[in-house]
Amino acid sequence: MKKEAFQIGQEFYTSAGKWRCTDIGTRVVIAIQLNQQDPRNYNGPPYSIPEHVFDEYDIEGCSLDAAEFEDKIEKIIPSKKLDSIHDALMFASAGGYGEGSAILDRQSGKTYY
């Protein structure tokens, strides 16, 4: 997509899921991810969930058509989900310098820490 194609309130898709545009800047688009259980999280602004910034490089990976990402979403290995990677990152950064580390095996999708 091009930045000019975005409108506030418009829903769009990326490989990470469905989003809603909340603001448009000179070179960026701001959006919230539409993955919440509680619909009250979408009341705003201000929103009770984080808004993400899409720069000119991220905008190129957006689409109004969800079908463009269906194949990519099916190929994601379940253990590569953000929760597993987040846990490994938190473990590795919790100690002092060099005390912990985390590795993501890209072949199997497993995290080791």
N, C-alpha and C. Protein backbone atom coordinates (compact mmCIF):
# COMPACT_ATOMS: atom_id res chain seq x y z
N MET A 1 0.84 -1.19 0.00
CA MET A 1 0.00 0.00 0.00
C MET A 1 0.88 1.24 0.00
N LYS A 2 0.30 2.32 -0.37
CA LYS A 2 0.94 3.63 -0.28
C LYS A 2 0.34 4.37 0.90
N LYS A 3 1.10 5.30 1.48
CA LYS A 3 0.61 6.05 2.63
C LYS A 3 -0.66 6.81 2.29
N GLU A 4 -0.77 7.26 1.09
CA GLU A 4 -1.94 8.02 0.66
C GLU A 4 -3.22 7.18 0.67
N ALA A 5 -3.10 5.87 0.66
CA ALA A 5 -4.27 4.98 0.63
C ALA A 5 -4.90 4.79 2.01
N PHE A 6 -4.19 5.19 3.07
CA PHE A 6 -4.70 5.01 4.42
C PHE A 6 -5.67 6.12 4.80
N GLN A 7 -6.67 5.74 5.60
CA GLN A 7 -7.61 6.70 6.19
C GLN A 7 -7.79 6.31 7.65
N ILE A 8 -8.01 7.28 8.50
CA ILE A 8 -8.23 7.00 9.92
C ILE A 8 -9.50 6.18 10.07
N GLY A 9 -9.40 5.09 10.83
CA GLY A 9 -10.52 4.18 11.03
C GLY A 9 -10.54 3.02 10.05
N GLN A 10 -9.71 3.08 9.03
CA GLN A 10 -9.67 2.02 8.01
C GLN A 10 -8.97 0.78 8.55
N GLU A 11 -9.50 -0.39 8.23
CA GLU A 11 -8.87 -1.64 8.63
C GLU A 11 -8.02 -2.17 7.49
N PHE A 12 -6.86 -2.72 7.85
CA PHE A 12 -5.94 -3.27 6.86
C PHE A 12 -5.24 -4.48 7.46
N TYR A 13 -4.46 -5.16 6.64
CA TYR A 13 -3.83 -6.41 7.05
C TYR A 13 -2.32 -6.37 6.82
N THR A 14 -1.62 -7.10 7.67
CA THR A 14 -0.20 -7.39 7.48
C THR A 14 -0.01 -8.87 7.76
N SER A 15 1.20 -9.35 7.65
CA SER A 15 1.45 -10.76 7.98
C SER A 15 1.23 -11.04 9.46
N ALA A 16 1.18 -9.99 10.28
CA ALA A 16 0.95 -10.15 11.73
C ALA A 16 -0.53 -10.13 12.09
N GLY A 17 -1.42 -9.83 11.14
CA GLY A 17 -2.84 -9.84 11.42
C GLY A 17 -3.57 -8.60 10.93
N LYS A 18 -4.72 -8.34 11.59
CA LYS A 18 -5.61 -7.24 11.19
C LYS A 18 -5.34 -6.02 12.07
N TRP A 19 -5.39 -4.83 11.45
CA TRP A 19 -5.07 -3.57 12.12
C TRP A 19 -6.12 -2.52 11.79
N ARG A 20 -6.20 -1.47 12.61
CA ARG A 20 -7.05 -0.31 12.34
C ARG A 20 -6.19 0.94 12.43
N CYS A 21 -6.23 1.76 11.39
CA CYS A 21 -5.47 3.01 11.35
C CYS A 21 -6.07 4.00 12.35
N THR A 22 -5.22 4.56 13.22
CA THR A 22 -5.68 5.52 14.22
C THR A 22 -5.15 6.93 13.99
N ASP A 23 -4.08 7.05 13.19
CA ASP A 23 -3.53 8.38 12.91
C ASP A 23 -2.61 8.28 11.70
N ILE A 24 -2.45 9.38 11.00
CA ILE A 24 -1.58 9.43 9.83
C ILE A 24 -0.66 10.63 9.99
N GLY A 25 0.64 10.37 9.94
CA GLY A 25 1.61 11.45 10.05
C GLY A 25 2.19 11.80 8.69
N THR A 26 3.23 12.60 8.71
CA THR A 26 3.86 13.01 7.46
C THR A 26 4.48 11.82 6.73
N ARG A 27 5.16 10.94 7.50
CA ARG A 27 5.83 9.79 6.89
C ARG A 27 5.42 8.46 7.50
N VAL A 28 4.52 8.46 8.48
CA VAL A 28 4.16 7.23 9.17
C VAL A 28 2.65 7.08 9.30
N VAL A 29 2.24 5.85 9.61
CA VAL A 29 0.84 5.54 9.92
C VAL A 29 0.84 4.89 11.30
N ILE A 30 -0.11 5.27 12.14
CA ILE A 30 -0.25 4.70 13.48
C ILE A 30 -1.48 3.80 13.47
N ALA A 31 -1.36 2.62 14.11
CA ALA A 31 -2.48 1.67 14.09
C ALA A 31 -2.50 0.83 15.36
N ILE A 32 -3.70 0.29 15.65
CA ILE A 32 -3.85 -0.68 16.73
C ILE A 32 -4.15 -2.03 16.10
N GLN A 33 -3.65 -3.10 16.74
CA GLN A 33 -3.91 -4.43 16.22
C GLN A 33 -5.27 -4.91 16.72
N LEU A 34 -6.04 -5.49 15.84
CA LEU A 34 -7.40 -5.94 16.16
C LEU A 34 -7.38 -7.41 16.58
N ASN A 35 -6.79 -7.67 17.73
CA ASN A 35 -6.68 -9.04 18.22
C ASN A 35 -7.12 -9.16 19.68
N GLN A 36 -7.92 -8.24 20.15
CA GLN A 36 -8.34 -8.20 21.55
C GLN A 36 -9.65 -8.94 21.77
N GLN A 37 -9.78 -9.57 22.93
CA GLN A 37 -11.03 -10.26 23.30
C GLN A 37 -12.10 -9.26 23.72
N ASP A 38 -11.69 -8.24 24.45
CA ASP A 38 -12.62 -7.25 25.00
C ASP A 38 -12.77 -6.08 24.02
N PRO A 39 -13.95 -5.87 23.44
CA PRO A 39 -14.12 -4.79 22.47
C PRO A 39 -13.95 -3.39 23.06
N ARG A 40 -14.01 -3.28 24.39
CA ARG A 40 -13.80 -1.96 25.02
C ARG A 40 -12.37 -1.46 24.81
N ASN A 41 -11.44 -2.37 24.50
CA ASN A 41 -10.06 -1.95 24.25
C ASN A 41 -9.94 -1.08 23.00
N TYR A 42 -10.94 -1.14 22.15
CA TYR A 42 -10.90 -0.36 20.92
C TYR A 42 -11.53 1.03 21.07
N ASN A 43 -12.03 1.34 22.26
CA ASN A 43 -12.59 2.67 22.51
C ASN A 43 -11.44 3.66 22.64
N GLY A 44 -11.50 4.71 21.93
CA GLY A 44 -10.44 5.71 22.02
C GLY A 44 -10.54 6.66 20.86
N PRO A 45 -9.61 7.53 20.71
CA PRO A 45 -8.40 7.67 21.51
C PRO A 45 -8.66 8.37 22.84
N PRO A 46 -7.80 8.21 23.80
CA PRO A 46 -6.66 7.30 23.84
C PRO A 46 -7.12 5.87 23.99
N TYR A 47 -6.30 4.94 23.52
CA TYR A 47 -6.61 3.52 23.55
C TYR A 47 -5.94 2.87 24.76
N SER A 48 -6.55 1.80 25.25
CA SER A 48 -5.96 1.07 26.38
C SER A 48 -4.97 0.01 25.91
N ILE A 49 -4.77 -0.09 24.62
CA ILE A 49 -3.80 -1.02 24.04
C ILE A 49 -2.76 -0.20 23.27
N PRO A 50 -1.58 -0.76 23.05
CA PRO A 50 -0.53 0.02 22.38
C PRO A 50 -0.85 0.32 20.92
N GLU A 51 -0.47 1.52 20.53
CA GLU A 51 -0.54 1.89 19.12
C GLU A 51 0.84 1.64 18.52
N HIS A 52 0.87 1.12 17.30
CA HIS A 52 2.13 0.79 16.64
C HIS A 52 2.37 1.75 15.49
N VAL A 53 3.64 2.08 15.28
CA VAL A 53 4.04 2.99 14.20
C VAL A 53 4.49 2.17 13.01
N PHE A 54 3.92 2.46 11.85
CA PHE A 54 4.33 1.86 10.59
C PHE A 54 5.07 2.93 9.80
N ASP A 55 6.37 2.71 9.58
CA ASP A 55 7.12 3.69 8.79
C ASP A 55 6.98 3.37 7.30
N GLU A 56 7.71 4.09 6.47
CA GLU A 56 7.54 3.92 5.02
C GLU A 56 7.89 2.51 4.55
N TYR A 57 8.76 1.82 5.26
CA TYR A 57 9.10 0.45 4.88
C TYR A 57 8.02 -0.53 5.32
N ASP A 58 7.44 -0.30 6.50
CA ASP A 58 6.36 -1.17 6.99
C ASP A 58 5.09 -1.00 6.16
N ILE A 59 4.84 0.21 5.73
CA ILE A 59 3.62 0.51 4.96
C ILE A 59 3.57 -0.32 3.68
N GLU A 60 4.73 -0.56 3.09
CA GLU A 60 4.78 -1.36 1.86
C GLU A 60 4.27 -2.78 2.07
N GLY A 61 4.34 -3.29 3.31
CA GLY A 61 3.90 -4.63 3.61
C GLY A 61 2.45 -4.72 4.06
N CYS A 62 1.69 -3.65 3.89
CA CYS A 62 0.28 -3.62 4.28
C CYS A 62 -0.61 -3.83 3.06
N SER A 63 -1.82 -4.34 3.32
CA SER A 63 -2.76 -4.58 2.24
C SER A 63 -4.19 -4.48 2.76
N LEU A 64 -5.10 -4.15 1.89
CA LEU A 64 -6.53 -4.15 2.23
C LEU A 64 -7.13 -5.54 2.04
N ASP A 65 -6.38 -6.45 1.42
CA ASP A 65 -6.86 -7.78 1.12
C ASP A 65 -6.18 -8.80 2.03
N ALA A 66 -6.95 -9.44 2.92
CA ALA A 66 -6.40 -10.42 3.86
C ALA A 66 -5.87 -11.66 3.14
N ALA A 67 -6.38 -11.95 1.96
CA ALA A 67 -5.98 -13.15 1.22
C ALA A 67 -4.50 -13.13 0.86
N GLU A 68 -3.89 -11.97 0.78
CA GLU A 68 -2.47 -11.88 0.45
C GLU A 68 -1.59 -12.52 1.51
N PHE A 69 -2.11 -12.66 2.74
CA PHE A 69 -1.30 -13.16 3.84
C PHE A 69 -1.73 -14.54 4.32
N GLU A 70 -2.75 -15.13 3.74
CA GLU A 70 -3.26 -16.42 4.22
C GLU A 70 -2.20 -17.51 4.16
N ASP A 71 -1.47 -17.63 3.07
CA ASP A 71 -0.44 -18.66 2.94
C ASP A 71 0.66 -18.46 3.97
N LYS A 72 1.07 -17.21 4.19
CA LYS A 72 2.15 -16.92 5.12
C LYS A 72 1.74 -17.25 6.55
N ILE A 73 0.51 -16.95 6.92
CA ILE A 73 0.05 -17.20 8.28
C ILE A 73 0.00 -18.70 8.55
N GLU A 74 -0.42 -19.51 7.59
CA GLU A 74 -0.50 -20.95 7.77
C GLU A 74 0.88 -21.58 7.94
N LYS A 75 1.92 -20.97 7.41
CA LYS A 75 3.26 -21.54 7.48
C LYS A 75 3.98 -21.22 8.78
N ILE A 76 3.42 -20.40 9.64
CA ILE A 76 4.06 -20.06 10.90
C ILE A 76 4.03 -21.26 11.82
N ILE A 77 5.17 -21.64 12.35
CA ILE A 77 5.25 -22.76 13.28
C ILE A 77 4.68 -22.28 14.62
N PRO A 78 3.76 -23.04 15.24
CA PRO A 78 3.11 -22.58 16.47
C PRO A 78 4.07 -22.16 17.57
N SER A 79 5.21 -22.83 17.75
CA SER A 79 6.12 -22.47 18.82
C SER A 79 6.88 -21.18 18.55
N LYS A 80 6.74 -20.64 17.34
CA LYS A 80 7.38 -19.37 17.02
C LYS A 80 6.52 -18.19 17.42
N LYS A 81 5.40 -18.46 18.05
CA LYS A 81 4.50 -17.38 18.41
C LYS A 81 5.22 -16.38 19.31
N LEU A 82 4.72 -15.20 19.31
CA LEU A 82 5.34 -14.11 20.05
C LEU A 82 5.52 -14.43 21.52
N ASP A 83 4.60 -15.15 22.14
CA ASP A 83 4.72 -15.45 23.57
C ASP A 83 6.01 -16.23 23.87
N SER A 84 6.30 -17.22 23.07
CA SER A 84 7.50 -18.03 23.28
C SER A 84 8.76 -17.19 23.09
N ILE A 85 8.79 -16.40 22.05
CA ILE A 85 9.95 -15.55 21.78
C ILE A 85 10.08 -14.48 22.86
N HIS A 86 8.95 -13.93 23.28
CA HIS A 86 8.95 -12.91 24.34
C HIS A 86 9.50 -13.49 25.64
N ASP A 87 9.07 -14.69 26.01
CA ASP A 87 9.57 -15.32 27.24
C ASP A 87 11.08 -15.51 27.18
N ALA A 88 11.57 -15.95 26.04
CA ALA A 88 13.01 -16.16 25.90
C ALA A 88 13.76 -14.83 26.00
N LEU A 89 13.22 -13.79 25.41
CA LEU A 89 13.85 -12.47 25.47
C LEU A 89 13.87 -11.95 26.90
N MET A 90 12.77 -12.12 27.62
CA MET A 90 12.71 -11.67 29.01
C MET A 90 13.72 -12.42 29.87
N PHE A 91 13.86 -13.71 29.65
CA PHE A 91 14.84 -14.51 30.40
C PHE A 91 16.25 -14.01 30.13
N ALA A 92 16.57 -13.81 28.85
CA ALA A 92 17.93 -13.41 28.48
C ALA A 92 18.28 -12.03 28.99
N SER A 93 17.30 -11.15 29.11
CA SER A 93 17.59 -9.78 29.53
C SER A 93 17.41 -9.56 31.03
N ALA A 94 16.95 -10.58 31.78
CA ALA A 94 16.66 -10.41 33.20
C ALA A 94 17.93 -10.33 34.04
N GLY A 95 18.96 -11.06 33.70
CA GLY A 95 20.19 -11.09 34.49
C GLY A 95 21.14 -9.99 34.05
N GLY A 96 22.33 -10.08 34.59
CA GLY A 96 23.37 -9.14 34.21
C GLY A 96 23.94 -9.49 32.84
N TYR A 97 24.85 -8.67 32.38
CA TYR A 97 25.44 -8.87 31.06
C TYR A 97 26.11 -10.24 30.98
N GLY A 98 25.71 -11.05 30.00
CA GLY A 98 26.30 -12.34 29.76
C GLY A 98 25.81 -13.47 30.66
N GLU A 99 24.89 -13.18 31.58
CA GLU A 99 24.41 -14.22 32.49
C GLU A 99 23.37 -15.14 31.87
N GLY A 100 22.64 -14.67 30.90
CA GLY A 100 21.61 -15.49 30.26
C GLY A 100 21.62 -15.27 28.77
N SER A 101 21.15 -16.26 28.04
CA SER A 101 21.04 -16.11 26.60
C SER A 101 19.85 -16.91 26.10
N ALA A 102 19.39 -16.57 24.93
CA ALA A 102 18.25 -17.26 24.32
C ALA A 102 18.55 -17.47 22.85
N ILE A 103 18.09 -18.59 22.33
CA ILE A 103 18.32 -18.93 20.92
C ILE A 103 17.00 -19.39 20.32
N LEU A 104 16.72 -18.93 19.13
CA LEU A 104 15.55 -19.37 18.37
C LEU A 104 16.04 -20.25 17.24
N ASP A 105 15.63 -21.51 17.24
CA ASP A 105 15.96 -22.43 16.16
C ASP A 105 14.96 -22.18 15.03
N ARG A 106 15.41 -21.56 13.97
CA ARG A 106 14.51 -21.18 12.88
C ARG A 106 14.00 -22.38 12.11
N GLN A 107 14.69 -23.48 12.16
CA GLN A 107 14.23 -24.69 11.46
C GLN A 107 13.03 -25.31 12.17
N SER A 108 13.15 -25.50 13.49
CA SER A 108 12.08 -26.16 14.24
C SER A 108 11.12 -25.20 14.89
N GLY A 109 11.53 -23.95 15.07
CA GLY A 109 10.69 -22.97 15.73
C GLY A 109 10.78 -23.00 17.25
N LYS A 110 11.68 -23.82 17.79
CA LYS A 110 11.82 -23.93 19.25
C LYS A 110 12.73 -22.83 19.78
N THR A 111 12.46 -22.41 21.00
CA THR A 111 13.32 -21.44 21.67
C THR A 111 14.04 -22.16 22.80
N TYR A 112 15.32 -21.82 22.96
CA TYR A 112 16.14 -22.39 24.02
C TYR A 112 16.71 -21.24 24.84
N TYR A 113 16.59 -21.35 26.17
CA TYR A 113 17.16 -20.33 27.03
C TYR A 113 17.50 -20.90 28.38
